[in-house]
Amino acid sequence: MKFNIKTFFWVILYAIMAGGALSIFTTISSFIKYLFSLLAVYIGVRFFRRFETIGLRITFIVLSIIMFFIGVLITVVYQSLTNPDFLTGS
């Protein structure tokens, strides 16, 4: 498969969706969080069916992990700004 701009944007879109679903999974505590886990698995399966090259799959996994950390960082910063006692645990 030839790597072009369209493929690049698809990889980025899938990575943002998977990383976002995983960051939501880790930040909420209700039972619904398991739906986000299944959503992340579903997004990964869809990506792996669509793109069969090893390079794109590795890129997807790495970008998903990066997007996961960015999502968790944004959530923690937001919670610490809106609730000053969030970081101290009081």
PDB file of N, CA and C in Angstrom:
ATOM      1  N   MET A   1       0.842  -1.180   0.000  1.00  0.00           N
ATOM      2  CA  MET A   1       0.000   0.000   0.000  1.00  0.00           C
ATOM      3  C   MET A   1       0.885   1.240   0.000  1.00  0.00           C
ATOM      4  N   LYS A   2       0.531   2.160  -0.843  1.00  0.00           N
ATOM      5  CA  LYS A   2       1.297   3.388  -0.953  1.00  0.00           C
ATOM      6  C   LYS A   2       0.903   4.353   0.169  1.00  0.00           C
ATOM      7  N   PHE A   3       1.897   4.955   0.779  1.00  0.00           N
ATOM      8  CA  PHE A   3       1.642   5.890   1.876  1.00  0.00           C
ATOM      9  C   PHE A   3       1.419   7.273   1.290  1.00  0.00           C
ATOM     10  N   ASN A   4       0.258   7.853   1.551  1.00  0.00           N
ATOM     11  CA  ASN A   4      -0.045   9.191   1.064  1.00  0.00           C
ATOM     12  C   ASN A   4      -0.740   9.990   2.166  1.00  0.00           C
ATOM     13  N   ILE A   5      -1.157  11.187   1.841  1.00  0.00           N
ATOM     14  CA  ILE A   5      -1.776  12.079   2.825  1.00  0.00           C
ATOM     15  C   ILE A   5      -3.088  11.492   3.350  1.00  0.00           C
ATOM     16  N   LYS A   6      -3.875  10.891   2.477  1.00  0.00           N
ATOM     17  CA  LYS A   6      -5.146  10.305   2.896  1.00  0.00           C
ATOM     18  C   LYS A   6      -4.921   9.206   3.934  1.00  0.00           C
ATOM     19  N   THR A   7      -3.937   8.350   3.697  1.00  0.00           N
ATOM     20  CA  THR A   7      -3.609   7.294   4.652  1.00  0.00           C
ATOM     21  C   THR A   7      -3.133   7.886   5.969  1.00  0.00           C
ATOM     22  N   PHE A   8      -2.326   8.934   5.892  1.00  0.00           N
ATOM     23  CA  PHE A   8      -1.831   9.600   7.101  1.00  0.00           C
ATOM     24  C   PHE A   8      -2.983  10.126   7.948  1.00  0.00           C
ATOM     25  N   PHE A   9      -3.946  10.774   7.320  1.00  0.00           N
ATOM     26  CA  PHE A   9      -5.085  11.306   8.065  1.00  0.00           C
ATOM     27  C   PHE A   9      -5.954  10.199   8.654  1.00  0.00           C
ATOM     28  N   TRP A  10      -6.109   9.080   7.955  1.00  0.00           N
ATOM     29  CA  TRP A  10      -6.860   7.964   8.507  1.00  0.00           C
ATOM     30  C   TRP A  10      -6.177   7.384   9.739  1.00  0.00           C
ATOM     31  N   VAL A  11      -4.854   7.249   9.677  1.00  0.00           N
ATOM     32  CA  VAL A  11      -4.096   6.734  10.823  1.00  0.00           C
ATOM     33  C   VAL A  11      -4.246   7.677  12.014  1.00  0.00           C
ATOM     34  N   ILE A  12      -4.135   8.974  11.773  1.00  0.00           N
ATOM     35  CA  ILE A  12      -4.288   9.958  12.847  1.00  0.00           C
ATOM     36  C   ILE A  12      -5.698   9.907  13.431  1.00  0.00           C
ATOM     37  N   LEU A  13      -6.708   9.817  12.575  1.00  0.00           N
ATOM     38  CA  LEU A  13      -8.093   9.773  13.048  1.00  0.00           C
ATOM     39  C   LEU A  13      -8.358   8.537  13.899  1.00  0.00           C
ATOM     40  N   TYR A  14      -7.923   7.390  13.425  1.00  0.00           N
ATOM     41  CA  TYR A  14      -8.103   6.158  14.207  1.00  0.00           C
ATOM     42  C   TYR A  14      -7.344   6.246  15.536  1.00  0.00           C
ATOM     43  N   ALA A  15      -6.141   6.803  15.526  1.00  0.00           N
ATOM     44  CA  ALA A  15      -5.351   6.912  16.757  1.00  0.00           C
ATOM     45  C   ALA A  15      -6.005   7.857  17.757  1.00  0.00           C
ATOM     46  N   ILE A  16      -6.556   8.959  17.277  1.00  0.00           N
ATOM     47  CA  ILE A  16      -7.243   9.897  18.171  1.00  0.00           C
ATOM     48  C   ILE A  16      -8.465   9.233  18.794  1.00  0.00           C
ATOM     49  N   MET A  17      -9.224   8.495  17.975  1.00  0.00           N
ATOM     50  CA  MET A  17     -10.413   7.828  18.511  1.00  0.00           C
ATOM     51  C   MET A  17     -10.044   6.754  19.533  1.00  0.00           C
ATOM     52  N   ALA A  18      -9.042   5.930  19.227  1.00  0.00           N
ATOM     53  CA  ALA A  18      -8.652   4.863  20.155  1.00  0.00           C
ATOM     54  C   ALA A  18      -8.034   5.440  21.426  1.00  0.00           C
ATOM     55  N   GLY A  19      -7.152   6.418  21.287  1.00  0.00           N
ATOM     56  CA  GLY A  19      -6.544   7.048  22.458  1.00  0.00           C
ATOM     57  C   GLY A  19      -7.562   7.771  23.312  1.00  0.00           C
ATOM     58  N   GLY A  20      -8.524   8.425  22.674  1.00  0.00           N
ATOM     59  CA  GLY A  20      -9.585   9.095  23.422  1.00  0.00           C
ATOM     60  C   GLY A  20     -10.454   8.120  24.180  1.00  0.00           C
ATOM     61  N   ALA A  21     -10.799   7.011  23.543  1.00  0.00           N
ATOM     62  CA  ALA A  21     -11.618   5.995  24.222  1.00  0.00           C
ATOM     63  C   ALA A  21     -10.867   5.407  25.409  1.00  0.00           C
ATOM     64  N   LEU A  22      -9.586   5.169  25.253  1.00  0.00           N
ATOM     65  CA  LEU A  22      -8.802   4.626  26.365  1.00  0.00           C
ATOM     66  C   LEU A  22      -8.628   5.634  27.491  1.00  0.00           C
ATOM     67  N   SER A  23      -8.459   6.910  27.156  1.00  0.00           N
ATOM     68  CA  SER A  23      -8.315   7.910  28.223  1.00  0.00           C
ATOM     69  C   SER A  23      -9.630   8.101  28.976  1.00  0.00           C
ATOM     70  N   ILE A  24     -10.759   8.021  28.278  1.00  0.00           N
ATOM     71  CA  ILE A  24     -12.050   8.075  28.964  1.00  0.00           C
ATOM     72  C   ILE A  24     -12.225   6.841  29.841  1.00  0.00           C
ATOM     73  N   PHE A  25     -11.783   5.685  29.344  1.00  0.00           N
ATOM     74  CA  PHE A  25     -11.865   4.449  30.129  1.00  0.00           C
ATOM     75  C   PHE A  25     -11.125   4.582  31.454  1.00  0.00           C
ATOM     76  N   THR A  26      -9.976   5.218  31.455  1.00  0.00           N
ATOM     77  CA  THR A  26      -9.198   5.310  32.688  1.00  0.00           C
ATOM     78  C   THR A  26      -9.658   6.423  33.619  1.00  0.00           C
ATOM     79  N   THR A  27     -10.392   7.405  33.104  1.00  0.00           N
ATOM     80  CA  THR A  27     -10.728   8.532  33.965  1.00  0.00           C
ATOM     81  C   THR A  27     -12.111   8.448  34.594  1.00  0.00           C
ATOM     82  N   ILE A  28     -13.034   7.680  34.038  1.00  0.00           N
ATOM     83  CA  ILE A  28     -14.351   7.588  34.665  1.00  0.00           C
ATOM     84  C   ILE A  28     -14.424   6.312  35.505  1.00  0.00           C
ATOM     85  N   SER A  29     -15.303   6.324  36.485  1.00  0.00           N
ATOM     86  CA  SER A  29     -15.345   5.188  37.409  1.00  0.00           C
ATOM     87  C   SER A  29     -16.650   4.403  37.355  1.00  0.00           C
ATOM     88  N   SER A  30     -17.584   4.790  36.521  1.00  0.00           N
ATOM     89  CA  SER A  30     -18.853   4.062  36.464  1.00  0.00           C
ATOM     90  C   SER A  30     -18.716   2.824  35.566  1.00  0.00           C
ATOM     91  N   PHE A  31     -19.762   2.054  35.529  1.00  0.00           N
ATOM     92  CA  PHE A  31     -19.758   0.822  34.748  1.00  0.00           C
ATOM     93  C   PHE A  31     -19.640   1.087  33.250  1.00  0.00           C
ATOM     94  N   ILE A  32     -20.039   2.252  32.828  1.00  0.00           N
ATOM     95  CA  ILE A  32     -20.007   2.606  31.405  1.00  0.00           C
ATOM     96  C   ILE A  32     -18.585   2.639  30.849  1.00  0.00           C
ATOM     97  N   LYS A  33     -17.596   2.710  31.725  1.00  0.00           N
ATOM     98  CA  LYS A  33     -16.210   2.766  31.261  1.00  0.00           C
ATOM     99  C   LYS A  33     -15.833   1.531  30.449  1.00  0.00           C
ATOM    100  N   TYR A  34     -16.475   0.408  30.714  1.00  0.00           N
ATOM    101  CA  TYR A  34     -16.162  -0.808  29.968  1.00  0.00           C
ATOM    102  C   TYR A  34     -16.653  -0.738  28.527  1.00  0.00           C
ATOM    103  N   LEU A  35     -17.653   0.083  28.263  1.00  0.00           N
ATOM    104  CA  LEU A  35     -18.072   0.312  26.888  1.00  0.00           C
ATOM    105  C   LEU A  35     -16.985   1.047  26.099  1.00  0.00           C
ATOM    106  N   PHE A  36     -16.285   1.965  26.768  1.00  0.00           N
ATOM    107  CA  PHE A  36     -15.185   2.664  26.099  1.00  0.00           C
ATOM    108  C   PHE A  36     -14.011   1.726  25.838  1.00  0.00           C
ATOM    109  N   SER A  37     -13.811   0.762  26.710  1.00  0.00           N
ATOM    110  CA  SER A  37     -12.788  -0.242  26.474  1.00  0.00           C
ATOM    111  C   SER A  37     -13.131  -1.080  25.245  1.00  0.00           C
ATOM    112  N   LEU A  38     -14.363  -1.509  25.159  1.00  0.00           N
ATOM    113  CA  LEU A  38     -14.800  -2.273  23.984  1.00  0.00           C
ATOM    114  C   LEU A  38     -14.756  -1.425  22.721  1.00  0.00           C
ATOM    115  N   LEU A  39     -15.056  -0.140  22.853  1.00  0.00           N
ATOM    116  CA  LEU A  39     -14.965   0.759  21.707  1.00  0.00           C
ATOM    117  C   LEU A  39     -13.523   0.869  21.208  1.00  0.00           C
ATOM    118  N   ALA A  40     -12.566   0.954  22.123  1.00  0.00           N
ATOM    119  CA  ALA A  40     -11.158   1.020  21.726  1.00  0.00           C
ATOM    120  C   ALA A  40     -10.720  -0.264  21.021  1.00  0.00           C
ATOM    121  N   VAL A  41     -11.173  -1.404  21.514  1.00  0.00           N
ATOM    122  CA  VAL A  41     -10.857  -2.680  20.857  1.00  0.00           C
ATOM    123  C   VAL A  41     -11.475  -2.725  19.468  1.00  0.00           C
ATOM    124  N   TYR A  42     -12.721  -2.280  19.352  1.00  0.00           N
ATOM    125  CA  TYR A  42     -13.400  -2.262  18.060  1.00  0.00           C
ATOM    126  C   TYR A  42     -12.674  -1.353  17.063  1.00  0.00           C
ATOM    127  N   ILE A  43     -12.241  -0.190  17.518  1.00  0.00           N
ATOM    128  CA  ILE A  43     -11.498   0.725  16.645  1.00  0.00           C
ATOM    129  C   ILE A  43     -10.197   0.077  16.191  1.00  0.00           C
ATOM    130  N   GLY A  44      -9.508  -0.600  17.103  1.00  0.00           N
ATOM    131  CA  GLY A  44      -8.273  -1.289  16.737  1.00  0.00           C
ATOM    132  C   GLY A  44      -8.501  -2.398  15.720  1.00  0.00           C
ATOM    133  N   VAL A  45      -9.569  -3.169  15.889  1.00  0.00           N
ATOM    134  CA  VAL A  45      -9.876  -4.243  14.941  1.00  0.00           C
ATOM    135  C   VAL A  45     -10.205  -3.656  13.572  1.00  0.00           C
ATOM    136  N   ARG A  46     -10.987  -2.580  13.552  1.00  0.00           N
ATOM    137  CA  ARG A  46     -11.319  -1.935  12.277  1.00  0.00           C
ATOM    138  C   ARG A  46     -10.066  -1.419  11.581  1.00  0.00           C
ATOM    139  N   PHE A  47      -9.149  -0.831  12.368  1.00  0.00           N
ATOM    140  CA  PHE A  47      -7.919  -0.323  11.765  1.00  0.00           C
ATOM    141  C   PHE A  47      -7.084  -1.466  11.201  1.00  0.00           C
ATOM    142  N   PHE A  48      -6.951  -2.538  11.957  1.00  0.00           N
ATOM    143  CA  PHE A  48      -6.110  -3.655  11.510  1.00  0.00           C
ATOM    144  C   PHE A  48      -6.698  -4.352  10.290  1.00  0.00           C
ATOM    145  N   ARG A  49      -8.016  -4.325  10.128  1.00  0.00           N
ATOM    146  CA  ARG A  49      -8.621  -4.884   8.919  1.00  0.00           C
ATOM    147  C   ARG A  49      -8.395  -3.991   7.712  1.00  0.00           C
ATOM    148  N   ARG A  50      -8.394  -2.688   7.945  1.00  0.00           N
ATOM    149  CA  ARG A  50      -8.263  -1.747   6.836  1.00  0.00           C
ATOM    150  C   ARG A  50      -6.820  -1.611   6.348  1.00  0.00           C
ATOM    151  N   PHE A  51      -5.863  -1.566   7.265  1.00  0.00           N
ATOM    152  CA  PHE A  51      -4.455  -1.375   6.914  1.00  0.00           C
ATOM    153  C   PHE A  51      -3.678  -2.612   7.323  1.00  0.00           C
ATOM    154  N   GLU A  52      -3.046  -3.249   6.348  1.00  0.00           N
ATOM    155  CA  GLU A  52      -2.401  -4.534   6.598  1.00  0.00           C
ATOM    156  C   GLU A  52      -0.882  -4.461   6.713  1.00  0.00           C
ATOM    157  N   THR A  53      -0.285  -3.303   6.527  1.00  0.00           N
ATOM    158  CA  THR A  53       1.173  -3.226   6.608  1.00  0.00           C
ATOM    159  C   THR A  53       1.617  -3.062   8.056  1.00  0.00           C
ATOM    160  N   ILE A  54       2.754  -3.628   8.350  1.00  0.00           N
ATOM    161  CA  ILE A  54       3.292  -3.606   9.719  1.00  0.00           C
ATOM    162  C   ILE A  54       3.634  -2.185  10.152  1.00  0.00           C
ATOM    163  N   GLY A  55       4.171  -1.398   9.259  1.00  0.00           N
ATOM    164  CA  GLY A  55       4.560  -0.028   9.593  1.00  0.00           C
ATOM    165  C   GLY A  55       3.385   0.821  10.035  1.00  0.00           C
ATOM    166  N   LEU A  56       2.276   0.714   9.317  1.00  0.00           N
ATOM    167  CA  LEU A  56       1.097   1.493   9.695  1.00  0.00           C
ATOM    168  C   LEU A  56       0.499   1.002  11.003  1.00  0.00           C
ATOM    169  N   ARG A  57       0.561  -0.290  11.237  1.00  0.00           N
ATOM    170  CA  ARG A  57       0.029  -0.819  12.495  1.00  0.00           C
ATOM    171  C   ARG A  57       0.853  -0.365  13.683  1.00  0.00           C
ATOM    172  N   ILE A  58       2.166  -0.369  13.541  1.00  0.00           N
ATOM    173  CA  ILE A  58       3.037   0.112  14.624  1.00  0.00           C
ATOM    174  C   ILE A  58       2.818   1.599  14.854  1.00  0.00           C
ATOM    175  N   THR A  59       2.677   2.355  13.760  1.00  0.00           N
ATOM    176  CA  THR A  59       2.411   3.788  13.875  1.00  0.00           C
ATOM    177  C   THR A  59       1.098   4.033  14.603  1.00  0.00           C
ATOM    178  N   PHE A  60       0.070   3.258  14.280  1.00  0.00           N
ATOM    179  CA  PHE A  60      -1.222   3.386  14.951  1.00  0.00           C
ATOM    180  C   PHE A  60      -1.103   3.119  16.449  1.00  0.00           C
ATOM    181  N   ILE A  61      -0.403   2.077  16.818  1.00  0.00           N
ATOM    182  CA  ILE A  61      -0.262   1.731  18.235  1.00  0.00           C
ATOM    183  C   ILE A  61       0.493   2.820  18.990  1.00  0.00           C
ATOM    184  N   VAL A  62       1.582   3.294  18.413  1.00  0.00           N
ATOM    185  CA  VAL A  62       2.376   4.336  19.072  1.00  0.00           C
ATOM    186  C   VAL A  62       1.576   5.630  19.193  1.00  0.00           C
ATOM    187  N   LEU A  63       0.898   6.027  18.121  1.00  0.00           N
ATOM    188  CA  LEU A  63       0.107   7.254  18.181  1.00  0.00           C
ATOM    189  C   LEU A  63      -1.082   7.122  19.135  1.00  0.00           C
ATOM    190  N   SER A  64      -1.662   5.945  19.221  1.00  0.00           N
ATOM    191  CA  SER A  64      -2.767   5.740  20.164  1.00  0.00           C
ATOM    192  C   SER A  64      -2.293   5.891  21.607  1.00  0.00           C
ATOM    193  N   ILE A  65      -1.124   5.371  21.900  1.00  0.00           N
ATOM    194  CA  ILE A  65      -0.563   5.518  23.249  1.00  0.00           C
ATOM    195  C   ILE A  65      -0.271   6.980  23.550  1.00  0.00           C
ATOM    196  N   ILE A  66       0.279   7.696  22.571  1.00  0.00           N
ATOM    197  CA  ILE A  66       0.560   9.128  22.759  1.00  0.00           C
ATOM    198  C   ILE A  66      -0.736   9.894  22.978  1.00  0.00           C
ATOM    199  N   MET A  67      -1.760   9.601  22.175  1.00  0.00           N
ATOM    200  CA  MET A  67      -3.055  10.273  22.334  1.00  0.00           C
ATOM    201  C   MET A  67      -3.696   9.931  23.675  1.00  0.00           C
ATOM    202  N   PHE A  68      -3.492   8.710  24.144  1.00  0.00           N
ATOM    203  CA  PHE A  68      -3.985   8.307  25.461  1.00  0.00           C
ATOM    204  C   PHE A  68      -3.363   9.178  26.553  1.00  0.00           C
ATOM    205  N   PHE A  69      -2.048   9.333  26.520  1.00  0.00           N
ATOM    206  CA  PHE A  69      -1.384  10.148  27.534  1.00  0.00           C
ATOM    207  C   PHE A  69      -1.791  11.613  27.442  1.00  0.00           C
ATOM    208  N   ILE A  70      -1.961  12.125  26.232  1.00  0.00           N
ATOM    209  CA  ILE A  70      -2.401  13.513  26.074  1.00  0.00           C
ATOM    210  C   ILE A  70      -3.815  13.680  26.639  1.00  0.00           C
ATOM    211  N   GLY A  71      -4.703  12.727  26.365  1.00  0.00           N
ATOM    212  CA  GLY A  71      -6.064  12.803  26.895  1.00  0.00           C
ATOM    213  C   GLY A  71      -6.108  12.756  28.404  1.00  0.00           C
ATOM    214  N   VAL A  72      -5.314  11.879  29.003  1.00  0.00           N
ATOM    215  CA  VAL A  72      -5.268  11.798  30.471  1.00  0.00           C
ATOM    216  C   VAL A  72      -4.670  13.071  31.052  1.00  0.00           C
ATOM    217  N   LEU A  73      -3.643  13.611  30.425  1.00  0.00           N
ATOM    218  CA  LEU A  73      -3.032  14.853  30.899  1.00  0.00           C
ATOM    219  C   LEU A  73      -4.027  16.007  30.852  1.00  0.00           C
ATOM    220  N   ILE A  74      -4.765  16.120  29.767  1.00  0.00           N
ATOM    221  CA  ILE A  74      -5.770  17.182  29.651  1.00  0.00           C
ATOM    222  C   ILE A  74      -6.846  17.015  30.723  1.00  0.00           C
ATOM    223  N   THR A  75      -7.280  15.791  30.971  1.00  0.00           N
ATOM    224  CA  THR A  75      -8.304  15.538  31.985  1.00  0.00           C
ATOM    225  C   THR A  75      -7.812  15.900  33.379  1.00  0.00           C
ATOM    226  N   VAL A  76      -6.584  15.525  33.708  1.00  0.00           N
ATOM    227  CA  VAL A  76      -6.043  15.822  35.038  1.00  0.00           C
ATOM    228  C   VAL A  76      -5.845  17.324  35.219  1.00  0.00           C
ATOM    229  N   VAL A  77      -5.376  18.007  34.201  1.00  0.00           N
ATOM    230  CA  VAL A  77      -5.203  19.457  34.306  1.00  0.00           C
ATOM    231  C   VAL A  77      -6.555  20.135  34.487  1.00  0.00           C
ATOM    232  N   TYR A  78      -7.556  19.697  33.730  1.00  0.00           N
ATOM    233  CA  TYR A  78      -8.896  20.281  33.865  1.00  0.00           C
ATOM    234  C   TYR A  78      -9.456  20.037  35.263  1.00  0.00           C
ATOM    235  N   GLN A  79      -9.331  18.827  35.764  1.00  0.00           N
ATOM    236  CA  GLN A  79      -9.863  18.525  37.092  1.00  0.00           C
ATOM    237  C   GLN A  79      -9.118  19.281  38.184  1.00  0.00           C
ATOM    238  N   SER A  80      -7.828  19.470  38.023  1.00  0.00           N
ATOM    239  CA  SER A  80      -7.074  20.197  39.043  1.00  0.00           C
ATOM    240  C   SER A  80      -7.378  21.690  39.008  1.00  0.00           C
ATOM    241  N   LEU A  81      -7.733  22.214  37.833  1.00  0.00           N
ATOM    242  CA  LEU A  81      -8.086  23.631  37.758  1.00  0.00           C
ATOM    243  C   LEU A  81      -9.492  23.898  38.291  1.00  0.00           C
ATOM    244  N   THR A  82     -10.414  22.969  38.063  1.00  0.00           N
ATOM    245  CA  THR A  82     -11.782  23.184  38.524  1.00  0.00           C
ATOM    246  C   THR A  82     -11.992  22.786  39.978  1.00  0.00           C
ATOM    247  N   ASN A  83     -11.161  21.873  40.487  1.00  0.00           N
ATOM    248  CA  ASN A  83     -11.266  21.427  41.874  1.00  0.00           C
ATOM    249  C   ASN A  83      -9.885  21.514  42.504  1.00  0.00           C
ATOM    250  N   PRO A  84      -9.596  22.569  43.275  1.00  0.00           N
ATOM    251  CA  PRO A  84      -8.250  22.750  43.833  1.00  0.00           C
ATOM    252  C   PRO A  84      -7.807  21.627  44.769  1.00  0.00           C
ATOM    253  N   ASP A  85      -8.736  20.911  45.378  1.00  0.00           N
ATOM    254  CA  ASP A  85      -8.388  19.839  46.307  1.00  0.00           C
ATOM    255  C   ASP A  85      -8.182  18.513  45.598  1.00  0.00           C
ATOM    256  N   PHE A  86      -8.253  18.494  44.276  1.00  0.00           N
ATOM    257  CA  PHE A  86      -8.138  17.256  43.513  1.00  0.00           C
ATOM    258  C   PHE A  86      -6.767  16.594  43.692  1.00  0.00           C
ATOM    259  N   LEU A  87      -5.702  17.372  43.634  1.00  0.00           N
ATOM    260  CA  LEU A  87      -4.355  16.799  43.714  1.00  0.00           C
ATOM    261  C   LEU A  87      -3.939  16.446  45.141  1.00  0.00           C
ATOM    262  N   THR A  88      -4.507  17.114  46.129  1.00  0.00           N
ATOM    263  CA  THR A  88      -4.114  16.830  47.514  1.00  0.00           C
ATOM    264  C   THR A  88      -4.934  15.684  48.095  1.00  0.00           C
ATOM    265  N   GLY A  89      -6.066  15.369  47.496  1.00  0.00           N
ATOM    266  CA  GLY A  89      -6.881  14.269  47.978  1.00  0.00           C
ATOM    267  C   GLY A  89      -7.776  14.626  49.144  1.00  0.00           C
ATOM    268  N   SER A  90      -7.853  15.897  49.500  1.00  0.00           N
ATOM    269  CA  SER A  90      -8.694  16.328  50.619  1.00  0.00           C
ATOM    270  C   SER A  90     -10.137  16.474  50.215  1.00  0.00           C
TER     271      SER A  90
END
